[in-house]
Amino acid sequence: ISNARNLGMKYAKGDYIAFADQDDEVLENAYHTLLAG
């Protein structure tokens, strides 16, 4: 998983980076809340 995340960071284009796992739950307005910070 660490190797996969590193590859993702290599190809990411966003100003900000977030991570999620394949089988978890991202709650409503999660990234709006984080970006507001």
Full PDB file with SEQRES, HELIX, SHEET, SSBOND, CRYST1, ORIGX, SCALE, CONECT and MASTER records, all heavy atoms in Angstrom:
SEQRES   1 A   37  ILE SER ASN ALA ARG ASN LEU GLY MET LYS TYR ALA LYS          
SEQRES   2 A   37  GLY ASP TYR ILE ALA PHE ALA ASP GLN ASP ASP GLU VAL          
SEQRES   3 A   37  LEU GLU ASN ALA TYR HIS THR LEU LEU ALA GLY                  
HELIX    1 AA1 SER A    2  TYR A   11  1                                  10    
HELIX    2 AA2 ALA A   30  ALA A   36  1                                   7    
CRYST1    1.000    1.000    1.000  90.00  90.00  90.00 P 1           1          
ORIGX1      1.000000  0.000000  0.000000        0.00000                         
ORIGX2      0.000000  1.000000  0.000000        0.00000                         
ORIGX3      0.000000  0.000000  1.000000        0.00000                         
SCALE1      1.000000  0.000000  0.000000        0.00000                         
SCALE2      0.000000  1.000000  0.000000        0.00000                         
SCALE3      0.000000  0.000000  1.000000        0.00000                         
ATOM      1  N   ILE A   1       0.809  -1.218   0.000  1.00  0.00           N  
ATOM      2  CA  ILE A   1       0.000   0.000   0.000  1.00  0.00           C  
ATOM      3  C   ILE A   1       0.844   1.271   0.000  1.00  0.00           C  
ATOM      4  O   ILE A   1       0.492   2.268  -0.646  1.00  0.00           O  
ATOM      5  CB  ILE A   1      -0.971  -0.023   1.202  1.00  0.00           C  
ATOM      6  CG1 ILE A   1      -2.025   1.071   1.060  1.00  0.00           C  
ATOM      7  CG2 ILE A   1      -0.205   0.090   2.526  1.00  0.00           C  
ATOM      8  CD1 ILE A   1      -3.152   0.940   2.058  1.00  0.00           C  
ATOM      9  N   SER A   2       1.994   1.257   0.684  1.00  0.00           N  
ATOM     10  CA  SER A   2       2.851   2.447   0.713  1.00  0.00           C  
ATOM     11  C   SER A   2       3.418   2.736  -0.671  1.00  0.00           C  
ATOM     12  O   SER A   2       3.459   3.894  -1.114  1.00  0.00           O  
ATOM     13  CB  SER A   2       3.995   2.255   1.717  1.00  0.00           C  
ATOM     14  OG  SER A   2       3.497   2.223   3.041  1.00  0.00           O  
ATOM     15  N   ASN A   3       3.832   1.701  -1.352  1.00  0.00           N  
ATOM     16  CA  ASN A   3       4.354   1.850  -2.708  1.00  0.00           C  
ATOM     17  C   ASN A   3       3.287   2.412  -3.640  1.00  0.00           C  
ATOM     18  O   ASN A   3       3.554   3.282  -4.477  1.00  0.00           O  
ATOM     19  CB  ASN A   3       4.858   0.493  -3.197  1.00  0.00           C  
ATOM     20  CG  ASN A   3       5.581   0.583  -4.521  1.00  0.00           C  
ATOM     21  OD1 ASN A   3       4.959   0.576  -5.565  1.00  0.00           O  
ATOM     22  ND2 ASN A   3       6.906   0.652  -4.472  1.00  0.00           N  
ATOM     23  N   ALA A   4       2.048   1.923  -3.500  1.00  0.00           N  
ATOM     24  CA  ALA A   4       0.944   2.404  -4.339  1.00  0.00           C  
ATOM     25  C   ALA A   4       0.642   3.876  -4.059  1.00  0.00           C  
ATOM     26  O   ALA A   4       0.405   4.667  -4.985  1.00  0.00           O  
ATOM     27  CB  ALA A   4      -0.299   1.546  -4.094  1.00  0.00           C  
ATOM     28  N   ARG A   5       0.655   4.274  -2.803  1.00  0.00           N  
ATOM     29  CA  ARG A   5       0.405   5.678  -2.469  1.00  0.00           C  
ATOM     30  C   ARG A   5       1.503   6.572  -3.016  1.00  0.00           C  
ATOM     31  O   ARG A   5       1.244   7.682  -3.503  1.00  0.00           O  
ATOM     32  CB  ARG A   5       0.312   5.833  -0.946  1.00  0.00           C  
ATOM     33  CG  ARG A   5      -0.978   5.293  -0.353  1.00  0.00           C  
ATOM     34  CD  ARG A   5      -0.908   5.246   1.156  1.00  0.00           C  
ATOM     35  NE  ARG A   5      -2.146   4.800   1.777  1.00  0.00           N  
ATOM     36  CZ  ARG A   5      -2.250   4.346   3.013  1.00  0.00           C  
ATOM     37  NH1 ARG A   5      -1.155   4.278   3.776  1.00  0.00           N  
ATOM     38  NH2 ARG A   5      -3.416   3.966   3.503  1.00  0.00           N  
ATOM     39  N   ASN A   6       2.750   6.112  -2.957  1.00  0.00           N  
ATOM     40  CA  ASN A   6       3.855   6.903  -3.507  1.00  0.00           C  
ATOM     41  C   ASN A   6       3.697   7.113  -4.996  1.00  0.00           C  
ATOM     42  O   ASN A   6       3.976   8.206  -5.513  1.00  0.00           O  
ATOM     43  CB  ASN A   6       5.188   6.215  -3.205  1.00  0.00           C  
ATOM     44  CG  ASN A   6       5.570   6.282  -1.741  1.00  0.00           C  
ATOM     45  OD1 ASN A   6       5.088   7.138  -0.994  1.00  0.00           O  
ATOM     46  ND2 ASN A   6       6.426   5.372  -1.306  1.00  0.00           N  
ATOM     47  N   LEU A   7       3.248   6.082  -5.706  1.00  0.00           N  
ATOM     48  CA  LEU A   7       3.017   6.226  -7.148  1.00  0.00           C  
ATOM     49  C   LEU A   7       1.904   7.234  -7.395  1.00  0.00           C  
ATOM     50  O   LEU A   7       1.992   8.053  -8.327  1.00  0.00           O  
ATOM     51  CB  LEU A   7       2.651   4.870  -7.762  1.00  0.00           C  
ATOM     52  CG  LEU A   7       2.438   4.878  -9.290  1.00  0.00           C  
ATOM     53  CD1 LEU A   7       3.751   5.195  -9.997  1.00  0.00           C  
ATOM     54  CD2 LEU A   7       1.896   3.537  -9.770  1.00  0.00           C  
ATOM     55  N   GLY A   8       0.867   7.183  -6.575  1.00  0.00           N  
ATOM     56  CA  GLY A   8      -0.213   8.146  -6.720  1.00  0.00           C  
ATOM     57  C   GLY A   8       0.267   9.571  -6.541  1.00  0.00           C  
ATOM     58  O   GLY A   8      -0.127  10.480  -7.289  1.00  0.00           O  
ATOM     59  N   MET A   9       1.130   9.808  -5.546  1.00  0.00           N  
ATOM     60  CA  MET A   9       1.664  11.157  -5.337  1.00  0.00           C  
ATOM     61  C   MET A   9       2.504  11.609  -6.529  1.00  0.00           C  
ATOM     62  O   MET A   9       2.539  12.794  -6.865  1.00  0.00           O  
ATOM     63  CB  MET A   9       2.484  11.204  -4.050  1.00  0.00           C  
ATOM     64  CG  MET A   9       1.645  11.103  -2.784  1.00  0.00           C  
ATOM     65  SD  MET A   9       2.566  11.501  -1.273  1.00  0.00           S  
ATOM     66  CE  MET A   9       3.715  10.118  -1.201  1.00  0.00           C  
ATOM     67  N   LYS A  10       3.169  10.674  -7.155  1.00  0.00           N  
ATOM     68  CA  LYS A  10       4.001  11.008  -8.317  1.00  0.00           C  
ATOM     69  C   LYS A  10       3.164  11.562  -9.455  1.00  0.00           C  
ATOM     70  O   LYS A  10       3.584  12.502 -10.164  1.00  0.00           O  
ATOM     71  CB  LYS A  10       4.759   9.759  -8.772  1.00  0.00           C  
ATOM     72  CG  LYS A  10       5.606   9.963 -10.017  1.00  0.00           C  
ATOM     73  CD  LYS A  10       6.311   8.669 -10.417  1.00  0.00           C  
ATOM     74  CE  LYS A  10       7.108   8.857 -11.699  1.00  0.00           C  
ATOM     75  NZ  LYS A  10       7.796   7.602 -12.103  1.00  0.00           N  
ATOM     76  N   TYR A  11       1.957  11.022  -9.645  1.00  0.00           N  
ATOM     77  CA  TYR A  11       1.117  11.418 -10.774  1.00  0.00           C  
ATOM     78  C   TYR A  11       0.032  12.425 -10.402  1.00  0.00           C  
ATOM     79  O   TYR A  11      -0.713  12.889 -11.256  1.00  0.00           O  
ATOM     80  CB  TYR A  11       0.470  10.181 -11.402  1.00  0.00           C  
ATOM     81  CG  TYR A  11       1.458   9.303 -12.140  1.00  0.00           C  
ATOM     82  CD1 TYR A  11       1.822   8.057 -11.646  1.00  0.00           C  
ATOM     83  CD2 TYR A  11       2.056   9.739 -13.324  1.00  0.00           C  
ATOM     84  CE1 TYR A  11       2.738   7.257 -12.309  1.00  0.00           C  
ATOM     85  CE2 TYR A  11       2.979   8.957 -13.993  1.00  0.00           C  
ATOM     86  CZ  TYR A  11       3.317   7.715 -13.480  1.00  0.00           C  
ATOM     87  OH  TYR A  11       4.236   6.932 -14.140  1.00  0.00           O  
ATOM     88  N   ALA A  12      -0.076  12.783  -9.135  1.00  0.00           N  
ATOM     89  CA  ALA A  12      -1.114  13.722  -8.706  1.00  0.00           C  
ATOM     90  C   ALA A  12      -0.866  15.111  -9.300  1.00  0.00           C  
ATOM     91  O   ALA A  12       0.266  15.568  -9.390  1.00  0.00           O  
ATOM     92  CB  ALA A  12      -1.149  13.795  -7.185  1.00  0.00           C  
ATOM     93  N   LYS A  13      -1.956  15.780  -9.673  1.00  0.00           N  
ATOM     94  CA  LYS A  13      -1.871  17.112 -10.258  1.00  0.00           C  
ATOM     95  C   LYS A  13      -2.455  18.190  -9.357  1.00  0.00           C  
ATOM     96  O   LYS A  13      -2.296  19.382  -9.630  1.00  0.00           O  
ATOM     97  CB  LYS A  13      -2.617  17.138 -11.599  1.00  0.00           C  
ATOM     98  CG  LYS A  13      -2.063  16.181 -12.651  1.00  0.00           C  
ATOM     99  CD  LYS A  13      -2.911  16.228 -13.911  1.00  0.00           C  
ATOM    100  CE  LYS A  13      -2.388  15.268 -14.976  1.00  0.00           C  
ATOM    101  NZ  LYS A  13      -3.241  15.289 -16.197  1.00  0.00           N  
ATOM    102  N   GLY A  14      -3.163  17.795  -8.303  1.00  0.00           N  
ATOM    103  CA  GLY A  14      -3.859  18.759  -7.463  1.00  0.00           C  
ATOM    104  C   GLY A  14      -2.936  19.568  -6.574  1.00  0.00           C  
ATOM    105  O   GLY A  14      -1.836  19.130  -6.228  1.00  0.00           O  
ATOM    106  N   ASP A  15      -3.396  20.746  -6.200  1.00  0.00           N  
ATOM    107  CA  ASP A  15      -2.656  21.560  -5.235  1.00  0.00           C  
ATOM    108  C   ASP A  15      -2.646  20.897  -3.864  1.00  0.00           C  
ATOM    109  O   ASP A  15      -1.712  21.078  -3.086  1.00  0.00           O  
ATOM    110  CB  ASP A  15      -3.301  22.946  -5.110  1.00  0.00           C  
ATOM    111  CG  ASP A  15      -3.249  23.735  -6.414  1.00  0.00           C  
ATOM    112  OD1 ASP A  15      -2.266  23.567  -7.170  1.00  0.00           O  
ATOM    113  OD2 ASP A  15      -4.180  24.512  -6.672  1.00  0.00           O  
ATOM    114  N   TYR A  16      -3.716  20.145  -3.583  1.00  0.00           N  
ATOM    115  CA  TYR A  16      -3.857  19.446  -2.309  1.00  0.00           C  
ATOM    116  C   TYR A  16      -4.050  17.957  -2.563  1.00  0.00           C  
ATOM    117  O   TYR A  16      -4.632  17.554  -3.577  1.00  0.00           O  
ATOM    118  CB  TYR A  16      -5.040  20.000  -1.514  1.00  0.00           C  
ATOM    119  CG  TYR A  16      -4.937  21.479  -1.244  1.00  0.00           C  
ATOM    120  CD1 TYR A  16      -5.643  22.403  -2.015  1.00  0.00           C  
ATOM    121  CD2 TYR A  16      -4.112  21.966  -0.232  1.00  0.00           C  
ATOM    122  CE1 TYR A  16      -5.540  23.763  -1.780  1.00  0.00           C  
ATOM    123  CE2 TYR A  16      -3.995  23.330   0.012  1.00  0.00           C  
ATOM    124  CZ  TYR A  16      -4.712  24.225  -0.773  1.00  0.00           C  
ATOM    125  OH  TYR A  16      -4.584  25.571  -0.532  1.00  0.00           O  
ATOM    126  N   ILE A  17      -3.561  17.146  -1.624  1.00  0.00           N  
ATOM    127  CA  ILE A  17      -3.620  15.692  -1.774  1.00  0.00           C  
ATOM    128  C   ILE A  17      -4.330  15.088  -0.573  1.00  0.00           C  
ATOM    129  O   ILE A  17      -4.066  15.448   0.576  1.00  0.00           O  
ATOM    130  CB  ILE A  17      -2.206  15.098  -1.905  1.00  0.00           C  
ATOM    131  CG1 ILE A  17      -1.597  15.492  -3.259  1.00  0.00           C  
ATOM    132  CG2 ILE A  17      -2.230  13.573  -1.765  1.00  0.00           C  
ATOM    133  CD1 ILE A  17      -0.181  14.980  -3.471  1.00  0.00           C  
ATOM    134  N   ALA A  18      -5.250  14.154  -0.873  1.00  0.00           N  
ATOM    135  CA  ALA A  18      -5.935  13.389   0.169  1.00  0.00           C  
ATOM    136  C   ALA A  18      -5.786  11.906  -0.155  1.00  0.00           C  
ATOM    137  O   ALA A  18      -5.487  11.526  -1.295  1.00  0.00           O  
ATOM    138  CB  ALA A  18      -7.413  13.776   0.240  1.00  0.00           C  
ATOM    139  N   PHE A  19      -6.012  11.072   0.861  1.00  0.00           N  
ATOM    140  CA  PHE A  19      -5.914   9.628   0.698  1.00  0.00           C  
ATOM    141  C   PHE A  19      -7.192   8.968   1.204  1.00  0.00           C  
ATOM    142  O   PHE A  19      -7.822   9.433   2.156  1.00  0.00           O  
ATOM    143  CB  PHE A  19      -4.712   9.071   1.473  1.00  0.00           C  
ATOM    144  CG  PHE A  19      -3.389   9.626   1.039  1.00  0.00           C  
ATOM    145  CD1 PHE A  19      -2.839  10.740   1.684  1.00  0.00           C  
ATOM    146  CD2 PHE A  19      -2.688   9.067  -0.015  1.00  0.00           C  
ATOM    147  CE1 PHE A  19      -1.624  11.264   1.297  1.00  0.00           C  
ATOM    148  CE2 PHE A  19      -1.461   9.596  -0.420  1.00  0.00           C  
ATOM    149  CZ  PHE A  19      -0.928  10.686   0.235  1.00  0.00           C  
ATOM    150  N   ALA A  20      -7.560   7.875   0.550  1.00  0.00           N  
ATOM    151  CA  ALA A  20      -8.690   7.062   1.016  1.00  0.00           C  
ATOM    152  C   ALA A  20      -8.338   5.605   0.779  1.00  0.00           C  
ATOM    153  O   ALA A  20      -7.490   5.283  -0.064  1.00  0.00           O  
ATOM    154  CB  ALA A  20      -9.978   7.440   0.283  1.00  0.00           C  
ATOM    155  N   ASP A  21      -8.981   4.719   1.521  1.00  0.00           N  
ATOM    156  CA  ASP A  21      -8.823   3.282   1.304  1.00  0.00           C  
ATOM    157  C   ASP A  21     -10.008   2.766   0.504  1.00  0.00           C  
ATOM    158  O   ASP A  21     -11.090   3.356   0.498  1.00  0.00           O  
ATOM    159  CB  ASP A  21      -8.710   2.536   2.635  1.00  0.00           C  
ATOM    160  CG  ASP A  21      -7.355   2.726   3.292  1.00  0.00           C  
ATOM    161  OD1 ASP A  21      -6.460   3.294   2.627  1.00  0.00           O  
ATOM    162  OD2 ASP A  21      -7.188   2.332   4.453  1.00  0.00           O  
ATOM    163  N   GLN A  22      -9.819   1.630  -0.134  1.00  0.00           N  
ATOM    164  CA  GLN A  22     -10.796   1.136  -1.095  1.00  0.00           C  
ATOM    165  C   GLN A  22     -12.129   0.718  -0.485  1.00  0.00           C  
ATOM    166  O   GLN A  22     -13.147   0.707  -1.181  1.00  0.00           O  
ATOM    167  CB  GLN A  22     -10.211  -0.055  -1.851  1.00  0.00           C  
ATOM    168  CG  GLN A  22      -9.929  -1.264  -0.959  1.00  0.00           C  
ATOM    169  CD  GLN A  22      -9.242  -2.397  -1.681  1.00  0.00           C  
ATOM    170  OE1 GLN A  22      -8.749  -2.239  -2.794  1.00  0.00           O  
ATOM    171  NE2 GLN A  22      -9.209  -3.574  -1.056  1.00  0.00           N  
ATOM    172  N   ASP A  23     -12.164   0.399   0.798  1.00  0.00           N  
ATOM    173  CA  ASP A  23     -13.370  -0.179   1.393  1.00  0.00           C  
ATOM    174  C   ASP A  23     -13.894   0.608   2.590  1.00  0.00           C  
ATOM    175  O   ASP A  23     -14.671   0.087   3.389  1.00  0.00           O  
ATOM    176  CB  ASP A  23     -13.120  -1.618   1.819  1.00  0.00           C  
ATOM    177  CG  ASP A  23     -11.910  -1.763   2.734  1.00  0.00           C  
ATOM    178  OD1 ASP A  23     -11.197  -0.765   2.926  1.00  0.00           O  
ATOM    179  OD2 ASP A  23     -11.683  -2.873   3.241  1.00  0.00           O  
ATOM    180  N   ASP A  24     -13.482   1.882   2.716  1.00  0.00           N  
ATOM    181  CA  ASP A  24     -13.962   2.716   3.810  1.00  0.00           C  
ATOM    182  C   ASP A  24     -15.046   3.667   3.315  1.00  0.00           C  
ATOM    183  O   ASP A  24     -15.424   3.653   2.145  1.00  0.00           O  
ATOM    184  CB  ASP A  24     -12.799   3.498   4.433  1.00  0.00           C  
ATOM    185  CG  ASP A  24     -11.851   2.605   5.206  1.00  0.00           C  
ATOM    186  OD1 ASP A  24     -12.286   1.530   5.655  1.00  0.00           O  
ATOM    187  OD2 ASP A  24     -10.677   2.974   5.353  1.00  0.00           O  
ATOM    188  N   GLU A  25     -15.508   4.521   4.210  1.00  0.00           N  
ATOM    189  CA  GLU A  25     -16.589   5.438   3.872  1.00  0.00           C  
ATOM    190  C   GLU A  25     -16.105   6.885   3.982  1.00  0.00           C  
ATOM    191  O   GLU A  25     -15.687   7.333   5.052  1.00  0.00           O  
ATOM    192  CB  GLU A  25     -17.782   5.214   4.808  1.00  0.00           C  
ATOM    193  CG  GLU A  25     -18.988   6.084   4.483  1.00  0.00           C  
ATOM    194  CD  GLU A  25     -20.180   5.808   5.386  1.00  0.00           C  
ATOM    195  OE1 GLU A  25     -20.096   4.862   6.205  1.00  0.00           O  
ATOM    196  OE2 GLU A  25     -21.179   6.542   5.281  1.00  0.00           O  
ATOM    197  N   VAL A  26     -16.172   7.592   2.859  1.00  0.00           N  
ATOM    198  CA  VAL A  26     -15.877   9.023   2.844  1.00  0.00           C  
ATOM    199  C   VAL A  26     -17.184   9.747   3.110  1.00  0.00           C  
ATOM    200  O   VAL A  26     -18.135   9.624   2.340  1.00  0.00           O  
ATOM    201  CB  VAL A  26     -15.275   9.456   1.501  1.00  0.00           C  
ATOM    202  CG1 VAL A  26     -14.970  10.952   1.522  1.00  0.00           C  
ATOM    203  CG2 VAL A  26     -14.005   8.667   1.197  1.00  0.00           C  
ATOM    204  N   LEU A  27     -17.247  10.490   4.207  1.00  0.00           N  
ATOM    205  CA  LEU A  27     -18.504  11.092   4.629  1.00  0.00           C  
ATOM    206  C   LEU A  27     -18.858  12.325   3.799  1.00  0.00           C  
ATOM    207  O   LEU A  27     -18.008  12.912   3.124  1.00  0.00           O  
ATOM    208  CB  LEU A  27     -18.430  11.438   6.118  1.00  0.00           C  
ATOM    209  CG  LEU A  27     -18.115  10.252   7.038  1.00  0.00           C  
ATOM    210  CD1 LEU A  27     -18.111  10.691   8.497  1.00  0.00           C  
ATOM    211  CD2 LEU A  27     -19.118   9.110   6.846  1.00  0.00           C  
ATOM    212  N   GLU A  28     -20.109  12.699   3.857  1.00  0.00           N  
ATOM    213  CA  GLU A  28     -20.633  13.791   3.040  1.00  0.00           C  
ATOM    214  C   GLU A  28     -19.891  15.095   3.326  1.00  0.00           C  
ATOM    215  O   GLU A  28     -19.615  15.439   4.474  1.00  0.00           O  
ATOM    216  CB  GLU A  28     -22.122  13.966   3.331  1.00  0.00           C  
ATOM    217  CG  GLU A  28     -22.817  14.962   2.421  1.00  0.00           C  
ATOM    218  CD  GLU A  28     -24.309  15.041   2.683  1.00  0.00           C  
ATOM    219  OE1 GLU A  28     -24.798  14.304   3.567  1.00  0.00           O  
ATOM    220  OE2 GLU A  28     -24.983  15.829   1.997  1.00  0.00           O  
ATOM    221  N   ASN A  29     -19.563  15.797   2.228  1.00  0.00           N  
ATOM    222  CA  ASN A  29     -18.869  17.098   2.300  1.00  0.00           C  
ATOM    223  C   ASN A  29     -17.494  17.018   2.962  1.00  0.00           C  
ATOM    224  O   ASN A  29     -16.982  18.024   3.467  1.00  0.00           O  
ATOM    225  CB  ASN A  29     -19.723  18.128   3.044  1.00  0.00           C  
ATOM    226  CG  ASN A  29     -20.980  18.491   2.285  1.00  0.00           C  
ATOM    227  OD1 ASN A  29     -20.961  18.591   1.047  1.00  0.00           O  
ATOM    228  ND2 ASN A  29     -22.081  18.668   2.985  1.00  0.00           N  
ATOM    229  N   ALA A  30     -16.893  15.832   2.945  1.00  0.00           N  
ATOM    230  CA  ALA A  30     -15.595  15.654   3.602  1.00  0.00           C  
ATOM    231  C   ALA A  30     -14.541  16.600   3.041  1.00  0.00           C  
ATOM    232  O   ALA A  30     -13.839  17.306   3.800  1.00  0.00           O  
ATOM    233  CB  ALA A  30     -15.137  14.209   3.456  1.00  0.00           C  
ATOM    234  N   TYR A  31     -14.413  16.647   1.726  1.00  0.00           N  
ATOM    235  CA  TYR A  31     -13.325  17.426   1.140  1.00  0.00           C  
ATOM    236  C   TYR A  31     -13.640  18.914   1.115  1.00  0.00           C  
ATOM    237  O   TYR A  31     -12.723  19.744   1.144  1.00  0.00           O  
ATOM    238  CB  TYR A  31     -12.985  16.872  -0.239  1.00  0.00           C  
ATOM    239  CG  TYR A  31     -12.524  15.435  -0.145  1.00  0.00           C  
ATOM    240  CD1 TYR A  31     -13.217  14.402  -0.775  1.00  0.00           C  
ATOM    241  CD2 TYR A  31     -11.415  15.099   0.627  1.00  0.00           C  
ATOM    242  CE1 TYR A  31     -12.811  13.081  -0.653  1.00  0.00           C  
ATOM    243  CE2 TYR A  31     -11.007  13.780   0.764  1.00  0.00           C  
ATOM    244  CZ  TYR A  31     -11.706  12.777   0.118  1.00  0.00           C  
ATOM    245  OH  TYR A  31     -11.304  11.472   0.259  1.00  0.00           O  
ATOM    246  N   HIS A  32     -14.899  19.263   1.084  1.00  0.00           N  
ATOM    247  CA  HIS A  32     -15.272  20.666   1.246  1.00  0.00           C  
ATOM    248  C   HIS A  32     -14.847  21.146   2.635  1.00  0.00           C  
ATOM    249  O   HIS A  32     -14.306  22.255   2.788  1.00  0.00           O  
ATOM    250  CB  HIS A  32     -16.784  20.833   1.061  1.00  0.00           C  
ATOM    251  CG  HIS A  32     -17.265  22.227   1.315  1.00  0.00           C  
ATOM    252  ND1 HIS A  32     -17.132  23.238   0.386  1.00  0.00           N  
ATOM    253  CD2 HIS A  32     -17.849  22.793   2.408  1.00  0.00           C  
ATOM    254  CE1 HIS A  32     -17.620  24.360   0.888  1.00  0.00           C  
ATOM    255  NE2 HIS A  32     -18.063  24.125   2.106  1.00  0.00           N  
ATOM    256  N   THR A  33     -15.090  20.312   3.648  1.00  0.00           N  
ATOM    257  CA  THR A  33     -14.708  20.645   5.026  1.00  0.00           C  
ATOM    258  C   THR A  33     -13.195  20.813   5.150  1.00  0.00           C  
ATOM    259  O   THR A  33     -12.705  21.767   5.757  1.00  0.00           O  
ATOM    260  CB  THR A  33     -15.188  19.544   5.989  1.00  0.00           C  
ATOM    261  OG1 THR A  33     -16.613  19.457   5.940  1.00  0.00           O  
ATOM    262  CG2 THR A  33     -14.750  19.829   7.418  1.00  0.00           C  
ATOM    263  N   LEU A  34     -12.443  19.880   4.574  1.00  0.00           N  
ATOM    264  CA  LEU A  34     -10.984  19.940   4.679  1.00  0.00           C  
ATOM    265  C   LEU A  34     -10.410  21.128   3.908  1.00  0.00           C  
ATOM    266  O   LEU A  34      -9.518  21.830   4.400  1.00  0.00           O  
ATOM    267  CB  LEU A  34     -10.384  18.628   4.165  1.00  0.00           C  
ATOM    268  CG  LEU A  34     -10.581  17.409   5.070  1.00  0.00           C  
ATOM    269  CD1 LEU A  34     -10.273  16.120   4.326  1.00  0.00           C  
ATOM    270  CD2 LEU A  34      -9.713  17.510   6.324  1.00  0.00           C  
ATOM    271  N   LEU A  35     -10.918  21.362   2.714  1.00  0.00           N  
ATOM    272  CA  LEU A  35     -10.417  22.485   1.923  1.00  0.00           C  
ATOM    273  C   LEU A  35     -10.706  23.825   2.599  1.00  0.00           C  
ATOM    274  O   LEU A  35      -9.908  24.762   2.495  1.00  0.00           O  
ATOM    275  CB  LEU A  35     -11.034  22.460   0.521  1.00  0.00           C  
ATOM    276  CG  LEU A  35     -10.456  21.419  -0.444  1.00  0.00           C  
ATOM    277  CD1 LEU A  35     -11.353  21.267  -1.663  1.00  0.00           C  
ATOM    278  CD2 LEU A  35      -9.042  21.805  -0.865  1.00  0.00           C  
ATOM    279  N   ALA A  36     -11.830  23.897   3.301  1.00  0.00           N  
ATOM    280  CA  ALA A  36     -12.169  25.142   4.001  1.00  0.00           C  
ATOM    281  C   ALA A  36     -11.133  25.482   5.068  1.00  0.00           C  
ATOM    282  O   ALA A  36     -10.949  26.649   5.423  1.00  0.00           O  
ATOM    283  CB  ALA A  36     -13.558  25.025   4.631  1.00  0.00           C  
ATOM    284  N   GLY A  37     -10.441  24.477   5.565  1.00  0.00           N  
ATOM    285  CA  GLY A  37      -9.396  24.718   6.564  1.00  0.00           C  
ATOM    286  C   GLY A  37      -8.212  25.483   6.010  1.00  0.00           C  
ATOM    287  O   GLY A  37      -7.430  26.074   6.770  1.00  0.00           O  
TER     288      GLY A  37                                                      
MASTER        0    0    0    2    0    0    0    6  287    1    0    3          
END                                                                             
